[in-house]
């Protein structure tokens, strides 16, 4: 496992087409990789935009876009984590895909807890996120799932040291303003688990006169903000992560005490591992 990893969160809004989104993603990955970057996270549904009319996309168009992202990851030898709708056996899901430095898809996480908007088009996922980047155990949640800390705690108990959280704010302006300034749970999740937290959001005015709070950030296990994008414009933020700091202390202690819960935690972790092996 690598001792350090340079990561980035891309605060990015969607363009007018999938082609334009992919071009912006490719440009951002290239610039980051040229500066020695290792892994970059893009927002929820970055391939299409979260505010898009999902019914107008077909799976072939999405698959072609994802092949282009995979080729970009391979060309620049950079891990790319990208939000996109995906379709398997006719079922659409809100997905985070993980491409490694060789452009191979090594994991896909399907959003479990859906918003009302999600439920009009997507099916739920049914497994936690757990994958490795350069040997480093990682996990992920998508947008609304910040409200479900067990989706973070269980993978951290399994060994995850970095949380990746793609987001796509879509709120009335008054609600969006309330979410600014870090009121998003990222610092709490990082601190209570003693892990790193990488959060990539959209920003500003979105479709339908709705708004996103931005505030993409990278948080250290001791709750320090290592990099922050603010809430005014698109921006790439990056940080060098010292994995020795991500000791998972509180998650490990929680696994052992109180003693009467120990067997139940272990049973849940075993269930998570079984579910991750399921097709």
Protein backbone atom coordinates (compact mmCIF):
# COMPACT_ATOMS: atom_id res chain seq x y z
CA UNK A 1 0.00 0.00 0.00
CA UNK A 2 1.28 3.47 -0.89
CA UNK A 3 2.19 5.72 2.04
CA UNK A 4 0.91 8.86 0.30
CA UNK A 5 -1.62 9.72 -2.41
CA UNK A 6 -2.29 13.01 -4.19
CA UNK A 7 -6.04 13.40 -4.68
CA UNK A 8 -8.30 16.04 -6.18
CA UNK A 9 -11.96 17.01 -6.07
CA UNK A 10 -13.29 18.60 -9.26
CA UNK A 11 -15.99 21.19 -8.59
CA UNK A 12 -17.60 21.08 -12.02
CA UNK A 13 -20.94 21.89 -13.60
CA UNK A 14 -22.43 19.99 -16.51
CA UNK A 15 -22.28 21.31 -20.06
CA UNK A 16 -24.95 21.13 -22.76
CA UNK A 17 -24.10 17.61 -23.92
CA UNK A 18 -22.40 14.39 -22.88
CA UNK A 19 -19.67 15.10 -25.44
CA UNK A 20 -18.91 18.48 -23.86
CA UNK A 21 -18.91 16.97 -20.36
CA UNK A 22 -16.44 14.28 -21.41
CA UNK A 23 -14.17 16.86 -23.04
CA UNK A 24 -14.09 18.90 -19.81
CA UNK A 25 -13.42 15.76 -17.75
CA UNK A 26 -10.56 14.78 -20.07
CA UNK A 27 -9.03 18.26 -19.86
CA UNK A 28 -9.27 18.29 -16.07
CA UNK A 29 -7.73 14.83 -15.69
CA UNK A 30 -4.86 15.74 -18.05
CA UNK A 31 -4.03 18.92 -16.15
CA UNK A 32 -4.16 17.17 -12.77
CA UNK A 33 -2.07 14.20 -13.90
CA UNK A 34 0.60 16.44 -15.43
CA UNK A 35 1.16 17.91 -11.98
CA UNK A 36 1.71 14.50 -10.42
CA UNK A 37 -1.86 13.72 -9.38
CA UNK A 38 -2.88 10.18 -8.46
CA UNK A 39 -6.69 10.09 -8.09
CA UNK A 40 -9.42 12.56 -9.04
CA UNK A 41 -13.10 12.62 -8.07
CA UNK A 42 -15.87 14.21 -10.18
CA UNK A 43 -19.45 15.04 -9.08
CA UNK A 44 -22.52 12.83 -9.14
CA UNK A 45 -23.73 12.13 -12.69
CA UNK A 46 -20.87 14.20 -14.11
CA UNK A 47 -21.19 12.43 -17.47
CA UNK A 48 -24.73 13.74 -18.05
CA UNK A 49 -25.35 16.31 -15.34
CA UNK A 50 -27.70 15.51 -12.47
CA UNK A 51 -30.30 18.01 -13.62
CA UNK A 52 -30.61 16.36 -17.03
CA UNK A 53 -33.67 14.62 -18.44
CA UNK A 54 -32.36 11.07 -18.03
CA UNK A 55 -35.03 9.64 -20.34
CA UNK A 56 -33.33 11.21 -23.34
CA UNK A 57 -30.11 9.19 -22.92
CA UNK A 58 -29.54 5.70 -24.20
CA UNK A 59 -27.11 3.24 -22.67
CA UNK A 60 -24.93 3.20 -25.78
CA UNK A 61 -24.18 6.92 -25.49
CA UNK A 62 -23.33 6.56 -21.80
CA UNK A 63 -21.12 3.51 -22.41
CA UNK A 64 -19.22 5.34 -25.14
CA UNK A 65 -18.60 8.27 -22.79
CA UNK A 66 -17.35 5.96 -20.06
CA UNK A 67 -14.99 4.24 -22.49
CA UNK A 68 -13.54 7.67 -23.26
CA UNK A 69 -13.03 8.34 -19.54
CA UNK A 70 -11.36 4.94 -19.14
CA UNK A 71 -9.03 5.75 -22.05
CA UNK A 72 -8.21 9.09 -20.44
CA UNK A 73 -7.35 7.38 -17.13
CA UNK A 74 -5.10 4.96 -19.00
CA UNK A 75 -3.44 7.67 -21.08
CA UNK A 76 -2.58 9.80 -18.04
CA UNK A 77 -1.95 6.93 -15.60
CA UNK A 78 -4.43 8.43 -13.14
CA UNK A 79 -7.24 6.92 -11.09
CA UNK A 80 -10.55 8.51 -12.12
CA UNK A 81 -13.73 8.32 -10.02
CA UNK A 82 -16.72 9.51 -12.01
CA UNK A 83 -20.46 9.78 -11.40
CA UNK A 84 -22.75 8.56 -14.17
CA UNK A 85 -26.07 6.88 -14.87
CA UNK A 86 -25.44 3.23 -15.79
CA UNK A 87 -27.73 0.61 -17.25
CA UNK A 88 -27.47 -3.14 -16.65
CA UNK A 89 -30.09 -5.55 -17.96
CA UNK A 90 -32.45 -2.66 -18.58
CA UNK A 91 -32.14 -1.24 -15.07
CA UNK A 92 -30.74 2.26 -14.61
CA UNK A 93 -28.75 3.17 -11.51
CA UNK A 94 -27.03 6.27 -10.14
CA UNK A 95 -23.43 5.06 -10.08
CA UNK A 96 -19.90 5.99 -9.09
CA UNK A 97 -17.40 4.23 -11.36
CA UNK A 98 -13.75 3.75 -10.40
CA UNK A 99 -11.14 3.49 -13.18
CA UNK A 100 -7.57 2.63 -12.26
CA UNK A 101 -4.34 3.91 -13.79
CA UNK A 102 -4.61 1.34 -16.59
CA UNK A 103 -8.13 2.43 -17.48
CA UNK A 104 -9.73 -0.68 -16.01
CA UNK A 105 -13.05 -0.38 -14.23
CA UNK A 106 -12.21 -1.78 -10.81
CA UNK A 107 -15.45 -0.96 -8.97
CA UNK A 108 -18.87 0.53 -9.39
CA UNK A 109 -21.01 1.68 -6.50
CA UNK A 110 -24.76 2.10 -7.00
CA UNK A 111 -26.49 4.72 -4.85
CA UNK A 112 -28.64 3.01 -2.22
CA UNK A 113 -30.59 5.84 -0.61
CA UNK A 114 -32.38 7.64 -3.42
CA UNK A 115 -33.92 11.11 -3.46
CA UNK A 116 -37.42 11.66 -4.81
CA UNK A 117 -35.83 12.76 -8.09
CA UNK A 118 -33.68 9.62 -8.21
CA UNK A 119 -36.67 7.36 -7.67
CA UNK A 120 -38.37 8.57 -10.84
CA UNK A 121 -35.63 6.92 -12.93
CA UNK A 122 -33.07 4.90 -10.92
CA UNK A 123 -33.16 1.58 -9.05
CA UNK A 124 -31.50 1.27 -5.66
CA UNK A 125 -28.12 -0.32 -5.14
CA UNK A 126 -27.75 -3.00 -2.48
CA UNK A 127 -24.08 -3.15 -1.48
CA UNK A 128 -21.63 -0.84 0.28
CA UNK A 129 -18.60 0.60 -1.48
CA UNK A 130 -15.18 -0.93 -0.90
CA UNK A 131 -12.28 -0.78 -3.34
CA UNK A 132 -8.55 -0.08 -3.47
CA UNK A 133 -6.46 2.64 -5.13
CA UNK A 134 -2.77 1.74 -5.27
CA UNK A 135 -3.52 -0.78 -2.54
CA UNK A 136 -5.23 1.81 -0.29
CA UNK A 137 -8.67 0.66 0.94
CA UNK A 138 -11.38 3.22 0.10
CA UNK A 139 -15.13 3.66 0.27
CA UNK A 140 -17.75 5.97 -1.24
CA UNK A 141 -21.22 7.41 -0.80
CA UNK A 142 -23.25 9.49 -3.25
CA UNK A 143 -24.85 12.88 -2.49
CA UNK A 144 -27.93 12.38 -0.25
CA UNK A 145 -26.24 9.43 1.46
CA UNK A 146 -24.30 11.76 3.78
CA UNK A 147 -27.33 11.27 6.03
CA UNK A 148 -26.56 7.56 6.50
CA UNK A 149 -23.32 7.29 8.51
CA UNK A 150 -23.44 3.49 8.60
CA UNK A 151 -22.55 3.49 4.88
CA UNK A 152 -19.22 5.01 5.94
CA UNK A 153 -18.69 3.34 9.33
CA UNK A 154 -18.99 -0.25 8.10
CA UNK A 155 -16.46 0.07 5.23
CA UNK A 156 -14.07 1.94 7.56
CA UNK A 157 -14.35 -0.95 10.01
CA UNK A 158 -13.42 -3.15 7.03
CA UNK A 159 -10.29 -1.06 6.50
CA UNK A 160 -11.22 1.95 4.32
CA UNK A 161 -8.96 4.97 4.83
CA UNK A 162 -10.43 7.42 2.30
CA UNK A 163 -14.08 8.36 1.71
CA UNK A 164 -14.99 9.62 -1.77
CA UNK A 165 -18.26 11.54 -1.95
CA UNK A 166 -19.56 12.78 -5.33
CA UNK A 167 -22.43 15.24 -4.99
CA UNK A 168 -24.73 17.30 -7.19
CA UNK A 169 -26.67 19.97 -5.34
CA UNK A 170 -30.10 20.76 -6.76
CA UNK A 171 -31.97 23.00 -4.34
CA UNK A 172 -33.93 26.25 -4.20
CA UNK A 173 -31.53 29.13 -3.57
CA UNK A 174 -32.58 29.58 0.07
CA UNK A 175 -31.87 25.91 0.84
CA UNK A 176 -28.58 26.00 -1.08
CA UNK A 177 -27.40 28.98 0.95
CA UNK A 178 -28.06 27.07 4.17
CA UNK A 179 -25.70 24.32 2.96
CA UNK A 180 -22.78 26.66 2.35
CA UNK A 181 -19.83 26.99 4.65
CA UNK A 182 -19.28 23.29 5.24
CA UNK A 183 -22.69 22.32 6.63
CA UNK A 184 -22.53 18.99 4.85
CA UNK A 185 -21.27 16.42 7.37
CA UNK A 186 -17.88 15.91 5.70
CA UNK A 187 -15.82 17.10 8.65
CA UNK A 188 -17.84 15.01 11.11
CA UNK A 189 -17.52 11.83 9.00
CA UNK A 190 -13.76 12.32 8.65
CA UNK A 191 -13.24 13.02 12.35
CA UNK A 192 -15.48 10.33 13.83
CA UNK A 193 -13.83 7.65 11.67
CA UNK A 194 -10.27 9.09 11.58
CA UNK A 195 -10.07 8.90 7.77
CA UNK A 196 -9.71 11.29 4.83
CA UNK A 197 -12.80 12.68 3.11
CA UNK A 198 -12.86 13.84 -0.54
CA UNK A 199 -16.03 15.72 -1.55
CA UNK A 200 -16.75 16.87 -5.13
CA UNK A 201 -19.86 18.95 -5.82
CA UNK A 202 -21.37 21.08 -8.55
CA UNK A 203 -21.65 24.83 -7.87
CA UNK A 204 -23.95 27.81 -8.44
CA UNK A 205 -27.03 27.99 -10.64
CA UNK A 206 -28.20 24.67 -12.07
CA UNK A 207 -31.11 23.70 -14.31
CA UNK A 208 -34.66 24.76 -13.48
CA UNK A 209 -33.52 27.79 -11.43
CA UNK A 210 -32.10 25.46 -8.80
CA UNK A 211 -28.72 25.86 -7.10
CA UNK A 212 -25.76 23.92 -5.77
CA UNK A 213 -23.78 25.04 -2.73
CA UNK A 214 -20.37 23.95 -4.04
CA UNK A 215 -17.94 23.72 -1.10
CA UNK A 216 -16.02 20.82 -2.62
CA UNK A 217 -13.24 19.96 -0.19
CA UNK A 218 -10.66 17.53 1.12
CA UNK A 219 -10.74 16.90 4.87
CA UNK A 220 -8.04 15.34 7.04
CA UNK A 221 -8.70 12.67 9.70
CA UNK A 222 -8.19 15.30 12.42
CA UNK A 223 -10.96 17.44 10.84
CA UNK A 224 -8.65 20.02 9.23
CA UNK A 225 -9.77 21.32 5.83
CA UNK A 226 -6.80 20.61 3.55
CA UNK A 227 -8.32 22.26 0.47
CA UNK A 228 -11.66 23.95 -0.27
CA UNK A 229 -13.25 25.21 -3.48
CA UNK A 230 -15.72 27.73 -2.07
CA UNK A 231 -19.22 28.28 -3.45
CA UNK A 232 -18.77 30.72 -6.32
CA UNK A 233 -17.14 28.94 -9.29
CA UNK A 234 -15.77 25.76 -10.79
CA UNK A 235 -12.44 24.83 -9.31
CA UNK A 236 -10.09 21.89 -8.80
CA UNK A 237 -8.79 21.36 -5.27
CA UNK A 238 -6.02 18.94 -4.41
CA UNK A 239 -4.08 17.64 -1.43
CA UNK A 240 -1.34 15.16 -0.63
CA UNK A 241 -2.68 12.53 1.79
CA UNK A 242 -0.38 10.96 4.37
CA UNK A 243 -2.09 7.62 4.93
CA UNK A 244 -0.34 7.11 8.26
CA UNK A 245 -2.75 9.75 9.64
CA UNK A 246 -5.79 7.69 8.60
CA UNK A 247 -5.59 5.23 11.48
CA UNK A 248 -9.35 4.55 11.75
CA UNK A 249 -8.93 4.67 15.53
CA UNK A 250 -12.51 5.42 16.51
CA UNK A 251 -14.02 2.93 14.07
CA UNK A 252 -11.63 0.23 15.33
CA UNK A 253 -12.46 1.01 18.94
CA UNK A 254 -16.16 1.02 18.13
CA UNK A 255 -15.80 -2.45 16.66
CA UNK A 256 -14.51 -3.79 19.99
CA UNK A 257 -16.53 -1.89 22.59
CA UNK A 258 -19.08 -2.10 24.03
CA UNK A 259 -18.34 -5.82 24.12
CA UNK A 260 -21.98 -6.90 23.83
CA UNK A 261 -22.11 -5.40 20.31
CA UNK A 262 -18.84 -6.95 19.12
CA UNK A 263 -20.34 -10.09 17.61
CA UNK A 264 -23.08 -8.09 15.90
CA UNK A 265 -20.60 -5.69 14.27
CA UNK A 266 -18.56 -8.65 13.04
CA UNK A 267 -21.68 -10.30 11.66
CA UNK A 268 -22.55 -7.12 9.76
CA UNK A 269 -19.04 -6.88 8.33
CA UNK A 270 -19.26 -10.49 7.17
CA UNK A 271 -22.61 -9.68 5.53
CA UNK A 272 -21.05 -6.67 3.77
CA UNK A 273 -18.21 -8.81 2.42
CA UNK A 274 -20.66 -11.42 1.14
CA UNK A 275 -22.76 -8.74 -0.55
CA UNK A 276 -19.68 -7.24 -2.21
CA UNK A 277 -18.90 -10.65 -3.71
CA UNK A 278 -22.44 -11.02 -5.08
CA UNK A 279 -22.85 -10.43 -8.85
